[in-house]
Amino acid sequence: MVSRSDIALLHRLADAARDEIRPLFRTALQSEAKGDASPVTIADRNAEAAMRKIIEAECSADGIHGEEYGVKDGKSSRQWVLDPIDGTTAFLAGRPIFGTLIALLVDGFPVAGVIDQAILGERWLGITGQGTTFNGEPVKARLCTKLAEATIATTGPHYFSVEQGDRFMALAGQTDHKRMVMGGDCYNYAALASGHIDIVAEAGLKLHDYAALVPVVEGAGGFMSDWAGEPLHAGSDGTVLALGDPARLEDVLDVIGNA
């Protein structure tokens, strides 16, 4: 389903985004507010444009879904999903915990994903049916024997509705919440895949925010779903759970589903 040439292309796309992002990091960039009030910069736009140019030249039958330049319908069952800078706020603040997200979907389901941190030179690659790698070396999510010992993360409370925030805090209250991680965007999922975080819970995400994360987390032995425990796909509702240890799924759903 995912060929060697697809994997090589994923790396070249990430490299192309890096080339656009790195020279602009910690410079006096101006940002604009998009329709949803989230910030965007020329780095976001240049990185996505560079990736789209490659895909259009080499995979012209495939669709493209990009955060900055929208959707291009394809003639195949494949779609490339691009988020050039997931965490533009962190990028603007000079914090290297943002990432470039690249996913390949087949029939609406993620089969390959990259989380790339351009400044630190860190790259996680996940392929369905294969183990996740970090800079070419295998990584594994860690086991978590009980919810009370789990480290939980989310990008920020302002992304939740009041009802979702209550459900998140109910879940956080059952974890080792003194070690709760706030902020991090896609970097939290990368850290989970490498065994440093146990749970990430978020809401309001769009396809470009989560598609690449699924193969990375699940290839590391973890599990991803929506808040009802259903697999993530192109039509998901934007609620996202990531677990390093799938054995904790029932515990998490019992709390977040009944809060």
Protein backbone atom coordinates (compact mmCIF):
# COMPACT_ATOMS: atom_id res chain seq x y z
CA MET A 1 0.00 0.00 0.00
CA VAL A 2 2.91 2.35 0.80
CA SER A 3 5.79 1.85 -1.60
CA ARG A 4 9.47 2.63 -1.22
CA SER A 5 9.00 5.50 -3.64
CA ASP A 6 6.19 6.86 -1.43
CA ILE A 7 8.51 6.75 1.58
CA ALA A 8 11.26 8.48 -0.36
CA LEU A 9 8.76 11.13 -1.41
CA LEU A 10 7.67 11.70 2.20
CA HIS A 11 11.28 12.44 3.10
CA ARG A 12 11.76 14.79 0.15
CA LEU A 13 8.59 16.66 1.04
CA ALA A 14 9.80 17.10 4.62
CA ASP A 15 13.21 18.25 3.38
CA ALA A 16 11.57 20.79 1.07
CA ALA A 17 9.52 22.20 3.95
CA ARG A 18 12.63 22.41 6.13
CA ASP A 19 14.41 24.44 3.47
CA GLU A 20 11.64 27.04 3.56
CA ILE A 21 11.14 27.11 7.34
CA ARG A 22 14.64 27.14 8.78
CA PRO A 23 15.86 30.46 7.32
CA LEU A 24 12.77 32.23 8.70
CA PHE A 25 12.84 30.86 12.24
CA ARG A 26 13.46 33.53 14.90
CA THR A 27 13.32 36.33 12.36
CA ALA A 28 11.05 39.37 12.43
CA LEU A 29 8.17 37.72 10.60
CA GLN A 30 4.75 39.28 10.44
CA SER A 31 1.71 37.07 10.85
CA GLU A 32 -1.85 37.37 9.65
CA ALA A 33 -5.02 36.05 11.24
CA LYS A 34 -6.92 33.50 9.18
CA GLY A 35 -10.69 33.08 9.22
CA ASP A 36 -10.52 30.95 12.37
CA ALA A 37 -8.25 33.59 14.02
CA SER A 38 -5.22 31.27 13.94
CA PRO A 39 -1.96 32.88 12.77
CA VAL A 40 -0.26 32.22 9.44
CA THR A 41 3.12 33.40 8.12
CA ILE A 42 5.02 33.38 4.87
CA ALA A 43 6.92 30.39 6.23
CA ASP A 44 3.68 28.38 6.41
CA ARG A 45 2.73 29.33 2.87
CA ASN A 46 6.17 28.84 1.32
CA ALA A 47 6.61 25.43 2.93
CA GLU A 48 3.24 24.18 1.73
CA ALA A 49 3.78 25.60 -1.75
CA ALA A 50 7.12 23.78 -2.01
CA MET A 51 5.55 20.46 -1.02
CA ARG A 52 2.56 20.87 -3.33
CA LYS A 53 4.84 21.61 -6.29
CA ILE A 54 6.61 18.27 -5.81
CA ILE A 55 3.39 16.29 -5.39
CA GLU A 56 1.76 17.90 -8.43
CA ALA A 57 4.83 17.09 -10.55
CA GLU A 58 5.25 13.50 -9.42
CA CYS A 59 1.78 12.31 -8.30
CA SER A 60 -0.56 14.30 -10.48
CA ALA A 61 -3.43 11.82 -10.07
CA ASP A 62 -3.41 12.12 -6.28
CA GLY A 63 -5.45 14.61 -4.30
CA ILE A 64 -3.94 17.22 -1.98
CA HIS A 65 -5.42 18.63 1.22
CA GLY A 66 -3.33 21.49 2.59
CA GLU A 67 -3.95 23.81 5.51
CA GLU A 68 -2.94 26.94 3.61
CA TYR A 69 -3.96 26.29 0.00
CA GLY A 70 -6.97 24.05 0.41
CA VAL A 71 -8.06 20.93 -1.42
CA LYS A 72 -7.12 19.76 -4.88
CA ASP A 73 -9.28 16.83 -5.97
CA GLY A 74 -7.46 13.84 -7.39
CA LYS A 75 -8.30 10.99 -9.73
CA SER A 76 -6.94 8.24 -7.49
CA SER A 77 -7.88 6.87 -4.07
CA ARG A 78 -4.85 8.65 -2.59
CA GLN A 79 -4.63 12.04 -0.92
CA TRP A 80 -1.63 13.89 0.51
CA VAL A 81 -2.47 15.91 3.62
CA LEU A 82 -0.14 18.77 4.51
CA ASP A 83 0.24 21.01 7.54
CA PRO A 84 3.42 23.00 6.85
CA ILE A 85 3.75 24.37 10.38
CA ASP A 86 1.61 22.73 13.01
CA GLY A 87 2.13 25.11 15.90
CA THR A 88 2.59 28.48 14.18
CA THR A 89 2.22 30.19 17.56
CA ALA A 90 5.25 28.27 18.86
CA PHE A 91 7.13 29.07 15.64
CA LEU A 92 6.45 32.78 16.08
CA ALA A 93 7.54 32.58 19.71
CA GLY A 94 10.88 31.04 18.71
CA ARG A 95 10.06 27.70 20.35
CA PRO A 96 11.19 24.63 18.34
CA ILE A 97 8.24 22.44 19.29
CA PHE A 98 6.20 23.01 16.12
CA GLY A 99 6.30 20.51 13.29
CA THR A 100 5.61 19.86 9.65
CA LEU A 101 2.92 17.19 9.21
CA ILE A 102 2.69 15.11 6.05
CA ALA A 103 0.24 12.25 5.61
CA LEU A 104 -0.75 9.89 2.84
CA LEU A 105 -4.38 8.76 2.94
CA VAL A 106 -5.88 5.90 0.96
CA ASP A 107 -9.67 5.87 0.75
CA GLY A 108 -9.76 8.46 3.53
CA PHE A 109 -7.63 6.58 6.07
CA PRO A 110 -4.03 7.51 7.02
CA VAL A 111 -1.47 4.92 5.91
CA ALA A 112 1.74 6.96 6.23
CA GLY A 113 2.75 9.98 8.26
CA VAL A 114 5.69 12.24 9.06
CA ILE A 115 6.22 14.57 11.99
CA ASP A 116 9.24 16.74 11.17
CA GLN A 117 10.88 19.28 13.47
CA ALA A 118 12.95 21.40 11.12
CA ILE A 119 15.07 23.27 13.68
CA LEU A 120 16.11 20.33 15.84
CA GLY A 121 16.51 18.02 12.86
CA GLU A 122 14.04 15.49 14.27
CA ARG A 123 11.85 13.31 12.08
CA TRP A 124 9.34 10.63 13.01
CA LEU A 125 8.10 8.37 10.21
CA GLY A 126 5.14 6.03 10.58
CA ILE A 127 3.95 3.54 7.95
CA THR A 128 0.97 1.21 8.41
CA GLY A 129 2.25 -2.29 9.09
CA GLN A 130 5.75 -1.09 9.92
CA GLY A 131 7.40 0.20 13.07
CA THR A 132 7.79 3.94 13.60
CA THR A 133 11.27 5.40 13.31
CA PHE A 134 12.87 8.51 14.77
CA ASN A 135 15.71 9.73 12.54
CA GLY A 136 15.86 6.24 11.09
CA GLU A 137 15.95 4.34 14.38
CA PRO A 138 12.98 2.36 15.80
CA VAL A 139 11.03 3.92 18.67
CA LYS A 140 8.38 2.54 20.99
CA ALA A 141 5.67 4.12 23.10
CA ARG A 142 5.85 3.11 26.76
CA LEU A 143 3.59 0.89 28.82
CA CYS A 144 1.37 2.48 31.45
CA THR A 145 0.02 0.07 34.05
CA LYS A 146 -2.61 2.40 35.47
CA LEU A 147 -4.23 5.70 34.66
CA ALA A 148 -3.04 7.31 37.89
CA GLU A 149 0.56 7.01 36.66
CA ALA A 150 -0.07 8.50 33.23
CA THR A 151 1.39 11.78 31.98
CA ILE A 152 -1.26 13.63 29.97
CA ALA A 153 -0.78 16.44 27.45
CA THR A 154 -2.86 18.86 25.41
CA THR A 155 -2.03 21.95 23.37
CA GLY A 156 -4.21 24.26 25.45
CA PRO A 157 -7.56 24.61 27.22
CA HIS A 158 -8.74 27.35 24.86
CA TYR A 159 -9.21 24.76 22.10
CA PHE A 160 -11.97 23.02 24.08
CA SER A 161 -15.60 23.96 24.39
CA VAL A 162 -16.81 24.24 27.99
CA GLU A 163 -18.22 20.72 27.83
CA GLN A 164 -15.06 19.31 26.25
CA GLY A 165 -12.93 21.13 28.81
CA ASP A 166 -14.89 19.53 31.63
CA ARG A 167 -14.39 16.10 30.09
CA PHE A 168 -10.67 16.71 29.62
CA MET A 169 -10.23 17.91 33.20
CA ALA A 170 -12.11 14.86 34.48
CA LEU A 171 -9.63 12.68 32.60
CA ALA A 172 -6.65 14.76 33.71
CA GLY A 173 -7.83 14.42 37.31
CA GLN A 174 -7.43 10.66 37.06
CA THR A 175 -3.85 10.91 35.78
CA ASP A 176 -0.61 12.12 37.33
CA HIS A 177 -1.82 15.66 36.66
CA LYS A 178 1.10 17.29 38.48
CA ARG A 179 3.09 16.35 35.38
CA MET A 180 0.46 17.55 32.90
CA VAL A 181 1.96 19.04 29.74
CA MET A 182 0.33 22.14 28.23
CA GLY A 183 1.40 23.30 24.79
CA GLY A 184 3.22 21.28 22.20
CA ASP A 185 0.85 20.71 19.26
CA CYS A 186 2.10 17.76 17.18
CA TYR A 187 5.28 17.50 19.23
CA ASN A 188 3.29 15.89 22.05
CA TYR A 189 2.36 12.99 19.77
CA ALA A 190 5.97 12.59 18.69
CA ALA A 191 7.02 12.51 22.35
CA LEU A 192 4.33 9.91 23.03
CA ALA A 193 5.62 7.74 20.17
CA SER A 194 9.10 7.95 21.67
CA GLY A 195 7.89 6.90 25.13
CA HIS A 196 7.89 10.21 27.03
CA ILE A 197 4.14 10.97 27.34
CA ASP A 198 1.26 8.53 27.92
CA ILE A 199 -1.92 10.33 26.78
CA VAL A 200 -2.75 13.24 24.51
CA ALA A 201 -6.35 14.48 24.37
CA GLU A 202 -7.49 17.29 22.08
CA ALA A 203 -10.59 18.62 20.31
CA GLY A 204 -11.33 20.92 17.42
CA LEU A 205 -8.65 19.40 15.22
CA LYS A 206 -8.90 19.31 11.44
CA LEU A 207 -7.74 16.60 9.07
CA HIS A 208 -4.38 18.27 8.48
CA ASP A 209 -3.84 18.43 12.26
CA TYR A 210 -4.23 14.71 12.95
CA ALA A 211 -3.83 12.62 9.77
CA ALA A 212 -0.03 12.31 9.97
CA LEU A 213 -0.09 11.51 13.68
CA VAL A 214 -2.00 8.25 13.37
CA PRO A 215 0.63 6.12 11.58
CA VAL A 216 3.40 7.56 13.78
CA VAL A 217 1.66 6.78 17.07
CA GLU A 218 0.25 3.42 16.04
CA GLY A 219 3.51 2.30 14.43
CA ALA A 220 5.16 2.89 17.82
CA GLY A 221 2.67 0.53 19.49
CA GLY A 222 0.24 3.22 20.59
CA PHE A 223 -3.40 3.84 19.71
CA MET A 224 -5.34 6.76 18.26
CA SER A 225 -9.08 7.39 18.04
CA ASP A 226 -11.74 10.01 18.52
CA TRP A 227 -13.28 10.50 21.98
CA ALA A 228 -15.74 7.69 21.28
CA GLY A 229 -12.94 5.24 20.56
CA GLU A 230 -13.57 5.20 16.79
CA PRO A 231 -10.70 5.17 14.27
CA LEU A 232 -9.62 8.52 12.85
CA HIS A 233 -10.30 9.20 9.17
CA ALA A 234 -11.10 12.06 6.82
CA GLY A 235 -14.61 12.45 8.24
CA SER A 236 -13.78 12.34 11.97
CA ASP A 237 -15.29 14.93 14.32
CA GLY A 238 -12.03 16.57 15.44
CA THR A 239 -11.81 15.01 18.91
CA VAL A 240 -8.55 13.09 19.23
CA LEU A 241 -7.08 10.67 21.73
CA ALA A 242 -3.57 9.25 21.58
CA LEU A 243 -2.48 6.54 24.00
CA GLY A 244 0.99 5.13 24.37
CA ASP A 245 -0.44 1.98 25.91
CA PRO A 246 -3.63 0.72 24.19
CA ALA A 247 -4.46 -1.21 27.38
CA ARG A 248 -5.57 2.06 28.95
CA LEU A 249 -8.20 2.78 26.29
CA GLU A 250 -11.15 1.45 28.26
CA ASP A 251 -10.07 3.40 31.35
CA VAL A 252 -9.77 6.63 29.33
CA LEU A 253 -13.08 6.18 27.54
CA ASP A 254 -14.85 5.39 30.83
CA VAL A 255 -13.76 8.77 32.19
CA ILE A 256 -13.93 11.03 29.15
CA GLY A 257 -17.16 9.46 27.92
CA ASN A 258 -19.01 9.76 31.22
CA ALA A 259 -17.77 13.09 32.53
